[in-house]
Amino acid sequence: MNDKGQNNFKLVPRHEIANALGFHPSSEQSRVKQVTFLENSPRYHTYVLTLWEERSLDPTKPAVWRFRLEIPRTGQIRGFATFEGMTAFLEDQMCDDDETKSPIKN
């Protein structure tokens, strides 16, 4: 927070975050296509994303965002201190040729 008690982070509209992550509004028909694609895909991963803001007790330090991915089927969890760390992990999952590896590495 600054000396006026205001947060020192930029507010980003939800749709910009969704677009950056590759999410786009979809009709019921495209959701059906997506589910069919997943059922026929040799590889896909399902994660539950949780993100939250952490604020320091020191008012001179900016707030930071933290991220967590969970595999619903297994309950495995992986935490990330940065958005870049999480996206690097997801990119690694898409490029990983070894299908026997667990999607979340500890």
N, C-alpha and C. Protein backbone atom coordinates (compact mmCIF):
# COMPACT_ATOMS: atom_id res chain seq x y z
N MET A 1 0.83 -1.18 0.00
CA MET A 1 0.00 0.00 0.00
C MET A 1 0.87 1.24 0.00
N ASN A 2 0.38 2.27 -0.64
CA ASN A 2 1.13 3.52 -0.63
C ASN A 2 0.75 4.35 0.60
N ASP A 3 1.31 5.55 0.69
CA ASP A 3 1.06 6.37 1.88
C ASP A 3 -0.39 6.83 2.00
N LYS A 4 -1.18 6.69 0.96
CA LYS A 4 -2.60 7.05 1.00
C LYS A 4 -3.49 5.84 1.33
N GLY A 5 -2.85 4.72 1.64
CA GLY A 5 -3.60 3.51 1.96
C GLY A 5 -4.15 2.79 0.76
N GLN A 6 -3.66 3.10 -0.42
CA GLN A 6 -4.13 2.45 -1.64
C GLN A 6 -3.19 1.33 -2.03
N ASN A 7 -3.72 0.31 -2.66
CA ASN A 7 -2.90 -0.81 -3.12
C ASN A 7 -1.99 -0.37 -4.26
N ASN A 8 -0.81 -0.97 -4.32
CA ASN A 8 0.16 -0.64 -5.35
C ASN A 8 0.16 -1.67 -6.48
N PHE A 9 -0.95 -2.29 -6.76
CA PHE A 9 -0.97 -3.24 -7.86
C PHE A 9 -2.01 -2.81 -8.87
N LYS A 10 -1.79 -3.24 -10.09
CA LYS A 10 -2.67 -2.88 -11.19
C LYS A 10 -3.87 -3.82 -11.22
N LEU A 11 -5.04 -3.25 -11.32
CA LEU A 11 -6.24 -4.08 -11.48
C LEU A 11 -6.37 -4.49 -12.94
N VAL A 12 -6.53 -5.77 -13.15
CA VAL A 12 -6.66 -6.30 -14.50
C VAL A 12 -8.05 -6.91 -14.62
N PRO A 13 -8.83 -6.49 -15.63
CA PRO A 13 -10.16 -7.05 -15.80
C PRO A 13 -10.12 -8.56 -16.00
N ARG A 14 -11.12 -9.24 -15.48
CA ARG A 14 -11.18 -10.70 -15.57
C ARG A 14 -11.06 -11.21 -17.00
N HIS A 15 -11.72 -10.53 -17.93
CA HIS A 15 -11.68 -11.02 -19.31
C HIS A 15 -10.26 -10.97 -19.88
N GLU A 16 -9.44 -10.01 -19.45
CA GLU A 16 -8.05 -9.96 -19.93
C GLU A 16 -7.25 -11.13 -19.38
N ILE A 17 -7.49 -11.49 -18.12
CA ILE A 17 -6.80 -12.65 -17.54
C ILE A 17 -7.26 -13.92 -18.26
N ALA A 18 -8.57 -14.04 -18.46
CA ALA A 18 -9.11 -15.22 -19.15
C ALA A 18 -8.53 -15.34 -20.55
N ASN A 19 -8.46 -14.22 -21.28
CA ASN A 19 -7.90 -14.25 -22.63
C ASN A 19 -6.43 -14.62 -22.60
N ALA A 20 -5.68 -14.09 -21.63
CA ALA A 20 -4.25 -14.41 -21.53
C ALA A 20 -4.03 -15.90 -21.25
N LEU A 21 -4.98 -16.51 -20.52
CA LEU A 21 -4.87 -17.93 -20.21
C LEU A 21 -5.49 -18.82 -21.29
N GLY A 22 -6.09 -18.19 -22.31
CA GLY A 22 -6.66 -18.96 -23.41
C GLY A 22 -8.10 -19.36 -23.22
N PHE A 23 -8.79 -18.75 -22.26
CA PHE A 23 -10.21 -19.04 -22.06
C PHE A 23 -11.04 -18.04 -22.84
N HIS A 24 -12.04 -18.53 -23.51
CA HIS A 24 -12.91 -17.67 -24.29
C HIS A 24 -14.35 -18.09 -24.02
N PRO A 25 -15.27 -17.13 -24.06
CA PRO A 25 -16.68 -17.50 -23.87
C PRO A 25 -17.08 -18.57 -24.88
N SER A 26 -17.85 -19.52 -24.41
CA SER A 26 -18.24 -20.59 -25.33
C SER A 26 -19.73 -20.87 -25.22
N SER A 27 -20.28 -21.32 -26.31
CA SER A 27 -21.69 -21.71 -26.32
C SER A 27 -21.78 -23.15 -25.84
N GLU A 28 -22.99 -23.61 -25.59
CA GLU A 28 -23.20 -24.99 -25.16
C GLU A 28 -22.66 -25.96 -26.20
N GLN A 29 -22.83 -25.63 -27.46
CA GLN A 29 -22.36 -26.51 -28.53
C GLN A 29 -20.84 -26.67 -28.47
N SER A 30 -20.10 -25.57 -28.27
CA SER A 30 -18.64 -25.70 -28.24
C SER A 30 -18.19 -26.45 -26.99
N ARG A 31 -18.95 -26.35 -25.87
CA ARG A 31 -18.60 -27.14 -24.69
C ARG A 31 -18.74 -28.62 -24.97
N VAL A 32 -19.77 -28.99 -25.70
CA VAL A 32 -19.96 -30.40 -26.05
C VAL A 32 -18.79 -30.87 -26.92
N LYS A 33 -18.38 -30.05 -27.88
CA LYS A 33 -17.24 -30.40 -28.73
C LYS A 33 -15.99 -30.56 -27.88
N GLN A 34 -15.81 -29.66 -26.91
CA GLN A 34 -14.62 -29.71 -26.07
C GLN A 34 -14.59 -31.00 -25.25
N VAL A 35 -15.69 -31.38 -24.66
CA VAL A 35 -15.74 -32.62 -23.87
C VAL A 35 -15.47 -33.81 -24.76
N THR A 36 -16.06 -33.84 -25.94
CA THR A 36 -15.81 -34.94 -26.88
C THR A 36 -14.34 -35.00 -27.24
N PHE A 37 -13.74 -33.85 -27.47
CA PHE A 37 -12.32 -33.81 -27.79
C PHE A 37 -11.50 -34.40 -26.64
N LEU A 38 -11.81 -34.01 -25.40
CA LEU A 38 -11.06 -34.51 -24.26
C LEU A 38 -11.18 -36.02 -24.13
N GLU A 39 -12.37 -36.54 -24.37
CA GLU A 39 -12.57 -37.99 -24.25
C GLU A 39 -11.78 -38.75 -25.31
N ASN A 40 -11.56 -38.12 -26.46
CA ASN A 40 -10.85 -38.78 -27.55
C ASN A 40 -9.37 -38.43 -27.59
N SER A 41 -8.93 -37.51 -26.76
CA SER A 41 -7.54 -37.07 -26.78
C SER A 41 -6.66 -38.08 -26.05
N PRO A 42 -5.50 -38.40 -26.62
CA PRO A 42 -4.60 -39.33 -25.93
C PRO A 42 -3.99 -38.72 -24.67
N ARG A 43 -3.92 -37.39 -24.61
CA ARG A 43 -3.33 -36.72 -23.46
C ARG A 43 -4.12 -35.47 -23.11
N TYR A 44 -4.51 -35.37 -21.88
CA TYR A 44 -5.07 -34.12 -21.37
C TYR A 44 -4.90 -34.10 -19.86
N HIS A 45 -4.91 -32.92 -19.30
CA HIS A 45 -4.75 -32.74 -17.86
C HIS A 45 -5.90 -31.87 -17.36
N THR A 46 -6.42 -32.20 -16.21
CA THR A 46 -7.45 -31.40 -15.58
C THR A 46 -6.90 -30.88 -14.26
N TYR A 47 -6.96 -29.57 -14.08
CA TYR A 47 -6.49 -28.95 -12.86
C TYR A 47 -7.57 -28.02 -12.31
N VAL A 48 -7.58 -27.87 -11.00
CA VAL A 48 -8.37 -26.83 -10.36
C VAL A 48 -7.37 -25.75 -9.97
N LEU A 49 -7.60 -24.55 -10.45
CA LEU A 49 -6.71 -23.43 -10.17
C LEU A 49 -7.25 -22.61 -9.02
N THR A 50 -6.41 -22.35 -8.03
CA THR A 50 -6.74 -21.45 -6.94
C THR A 50 -5.68 -20.36 -6.94
N LEU A 51 -6.12 -19.10 -6.88
CA LEU A 51 -5.17 -18.01 -6.77
C LEU A 51 -5.63 -17.05 -5.69
N TRP A 52 -4.65 -16.49 -4.98
CA TRP A 52 -4.98 -15.59 -3.89
C TRP A 52 -3.88 -14.55 -3.74
N GLU A 53 -4.27 -13.46 -3.11
CA GLU A 53 -3.35 -12.37 -2.87
C GLU A 53 -2.80 -12.47 -1.45
N GLU A 54 -1.49 -12.33 -1.34
CA GLU A 54 -0.86 -12.29 -0.02
C GLU A 54 -0.31 -10.89 0.21
N ARG A 55 -0.67 -10.36 1.37
CA ARG A 55 -0.19 -9.02 1.73
C ARG A 55 0.78 -9.14 2.89
N SER A 56 1.83 -8.38 2.84
CA SER A 56 2.83 -8.35 3.89
C SER A 56 2.35 -7.48 5.04
N LEU A 57 2.85 -7.76 6.23
CA LEU A 57 2.57 -6.89 7.37
C LEU A 57 3.30 -5.57 7.21
N ASP A 58 4.35 -5.58 6.40
CA ASP A 58 5.11 -4.37 6.12
C ASP A 58 4.38 -3.60 5.01
N PRO A 59 3.83 -2.43 5.32
CA PRO A 59 3.05 -1.70 4.31
C PRO A 59 3.88 -1.20 3.13
N THR A 60 5.20 -1.22 3.23
CA THR A 60 6.02 -0.77 2.10
C THR A 60 6.22 -1.87 1.05
N LYS A 61 5.91 -3.10 1.42
CA LYS A 61 6.06 -4.21 0.48
C LYS A 61 4.76 -4.42 -0.29
N PRO A 62 4.86 -4.63 -1.60
CA PRO A 62 3.65 -4.82 -2.40
C PRO A 62 3.01 -6.20 -2.15
N ALA A 63 1.73 -6.26 -2.41
CA ALA A 63 1.03 -7.54 -2.34
C ALA A 63 1.51 -8.43 -3.48
N VAL A 64 1.47 -9.74 -3.28
CA VAL A 64 1.86 -10.69 -4.32
C VAL A 64 0.75 -11.72 -4.49
N TRP A 65 0.67 -12.27 -5.68
CA TRP A 65 -0.31 -13.31 -5.97
C TRP A 65 0.38 -14.67 -5.90
N ARG A 66 -0.32 -15.63 -5.35
CA ARG A 66 0.15 -17.02 -5.27
C ARG A 66 -0.84 -17.89 -6.05
N PHE A 67 -0.35 -19.05 -6.49
CA PHE A 67 -1.15 -19.92 -7.36
C PHE A 67 -1.02 -21.37 -6.90
N ARG A 68 -2.09 -22.13 -7.07
CA ARG A 68 -2.08 -23.55 -6.72
C ARG A 68 -2.87 -24.32 -7.76
N LEU A 69 -2.31 -25.42 -8.21
CA LEU A 69 -3.00 -26.34 -9.12
C LEU A 69 -3.25 -27.64 -8.39
N GLU A 70 -4.44 -28.16 -8.53
CA GLU A 70 -4.79 -29.45 -7.91
C GLU A 70 -5.38 -30.36 -8.96
N ILE A 71 -4.97 -31.62 -8.92
CA ILE A 71 -5.58 -32.63 -9.79
C ILE A 71 -6.78 -33.20 -9.04
N PRO A 72 -8.00 -32.94 -9.50
CA PRO A 72 -9.18 -33.38 -8.76
C PRO A 72 -9.24 -34.89 -8.53
N ARG A 73 -8.82 -35.66 -9.51
CA ARG A 73 -8.91 -37.11 -9.43
C ARG A 73 -8.03 -37.69 -8.33
N THR A 74 -6.83 -37.10 -8.13
CA THR A 74 -5.87 -37.66 -7.18
C THR A 74 -5.68 -36.81 -5.92
N GLY A 75 -6.05 -35.55 -6.00
CA GLY A 75 -5.82 -34.65 -4.87
C GLY A 75 -4.41 -34.10 -4.81
N GLN A 76 -3.56 -34.45 -5.78
CA GLN A 76 -2.19 -33.91 -5.80
C GLN A 76 -2.24 -32.40 -5.98
N ILE A 77 -1.34 -31.70 -5.26
CA ILE A 77 -1.32 -30.24 -5.28
C ILE A 77 0.09 -29.75 -5.58
N ARG A 78 0.16 -28.66 -6.35
CA ARG A 78 1.44 -28.00 -6.63
C ARG A 78 1.23 -26.50 -6.47
N GLY A 79 2.07 -25.86 -5.67
CA GLY A 79 1.97 -24.43 -5.45
C GLY A 79 3.01 -23.67 -6.23
N PHE A 80 2.70 -22.42 -6.56
CA PHE A 80 3.60 -21.57 -7.33
C PHE A 80 3.63 -20.18 -6.72
N ALA A 81 4.82 -19.63 -6.59
CA ALA A 81 4.99 -18.29 -6.03
C ALA A 81 4.74 -17.21 -7.08
N THR A 82 4.83 -17.59 -8.37
CA THR A 82 4.64 -16.62 -9.45
C THR A 82 3.76 -17.18 -10.55
N PHE A 83 3.11 -16.28 -11.27
CA PHE A 83 2.32 -16.67 -12.43
C PHE A 83 3.22 -17.30 -13.49
N GLU A 84 4.41 -16.74 -13.65
CA GLU A 84 5.35 -17.25 -14.64
C GLU A 84 5.77 -18.68 -14.31
N GLY A 85 5.96 -18.97 -13.02
CA GLY A 85 6.31 -20.32 -12.60
C GLY A 85 5.21 -21.31 -12.93
N MET A 86 3.97 -20.90 -12.71
CA MET A 86 2.84 -21.77 -13.01
C MET A 86 2.72 -22.01 -14.52
N THR A 87 2.84 -20.94 -15.31
CA THR A 87 2.71 -21.13 -16.76
C THR A 87 3.87 -21.94 -17.32
N ALA A 88 5.06 -21.79 -16.74
CA ALA A 88 6.21 -22.62 -17.18
C ALA A 88 5.92 -24.09 -16.89
N PHE A 89 5.35 -24.38 -15.73
CA PHE A 89 4.98 -25.75 -15.38
C PHE A 89 3.96 -26.30 -16.38
N LEU A 90 2.94 -25.50 -16.70
CA LEU A 90 1.91 -25.96 -17.63
C LEU A 90 2.48 -26.18 -19.03
N GLU A 91 3.37 -25.30 -19.46
CA GLU A 91 4.03 -25.49 -20.75
C GLU A 91 4.84 -26.77 -20.76
N ASP A 92 5.51 -27.06 -19.65
CA ASP A 92 6.28 -28.30 -19.52
C ASP A 92 5.36 -29.51 -19.63
N GLN A 93 4.18 -29.42 -19.05
CA GLN A 93 3.22 -30.53 -19.13
C GLN A 93 2.77 -30.78 -20.56
N MET A 94 2.65 -29.72 -21.33
CA MET A 94 2.22 -29.87 -22.73
C MET A 94 3.33 -30.41 -23.61
N CYS A 95 4.57 -30.17 -23.23
CA CYS A 95 5.71 -30.62 -24.04
C CYS A 95 6.28 -31.94 -23.59
N ASP A 96 5.86 -32.44 -22.44
CA ASP A 96 6.41 -33.65 -21.85
C ASP A 96 6.03 -34.85 -22.70
N ASP A 97 7.05 -35.55 -23.23
CA ASP A 97 6.80 -36.73 -24.06
C ASP A 97 6.61 -38.00 -23.24
N ASP A 98 7.02 -38.00 -22.00
CA ASP A 98 6.91 -39.19 -21.16
C ASP A 98 5.55 -39.22 -20.49
N GLU A 99 4.60 -39.97 -21.08
CA GLU A 99 3.23 -40.01 -20.57
C GLU A 99 3.10 -40.76 -19.26
N THR A 100 4.16 -41.43 -18.82
CA THR A 100 4.08 -42.17 -17.57
C THR A 100 4.35 -41.30 -16.35
N LYS A 101 4.85 -40.07 -16.59
CA LYS A 101 5.14 -39.17 -15.47
C LYS A 101 3.85 -38.64 -14.87
N SER A 102 3.90 -38.36 -13.58
CA SER A 102 2.77 -37.72 -12.90
C SER A 102 2.66 -36.29 -13.38
N PRO A 103 1.43 -35.78 -13.62
CA PRO A 103 1.27 -34.42 -14.09
C PRO A 103 1.76 -33.36 -13.10
N ILE A 104 1.78 -33.67 -11.81
CA ILE A 104 2.29 -32.73 -10.82
C ILE A 104 3.51 -33.35 -10.17
N LYS A 105 4.64 -32.70 -10.36
CA LYS A 105 5.90 -33.18 -9.82
C LYS A 105 6.20 -32.43 -8.53
N ASN A 106 6.65 -33.14 -7.52
CA ASN A 106 6.99 -32.49 -6.26
C ASN A 106 8.48 -32.33 -6.14
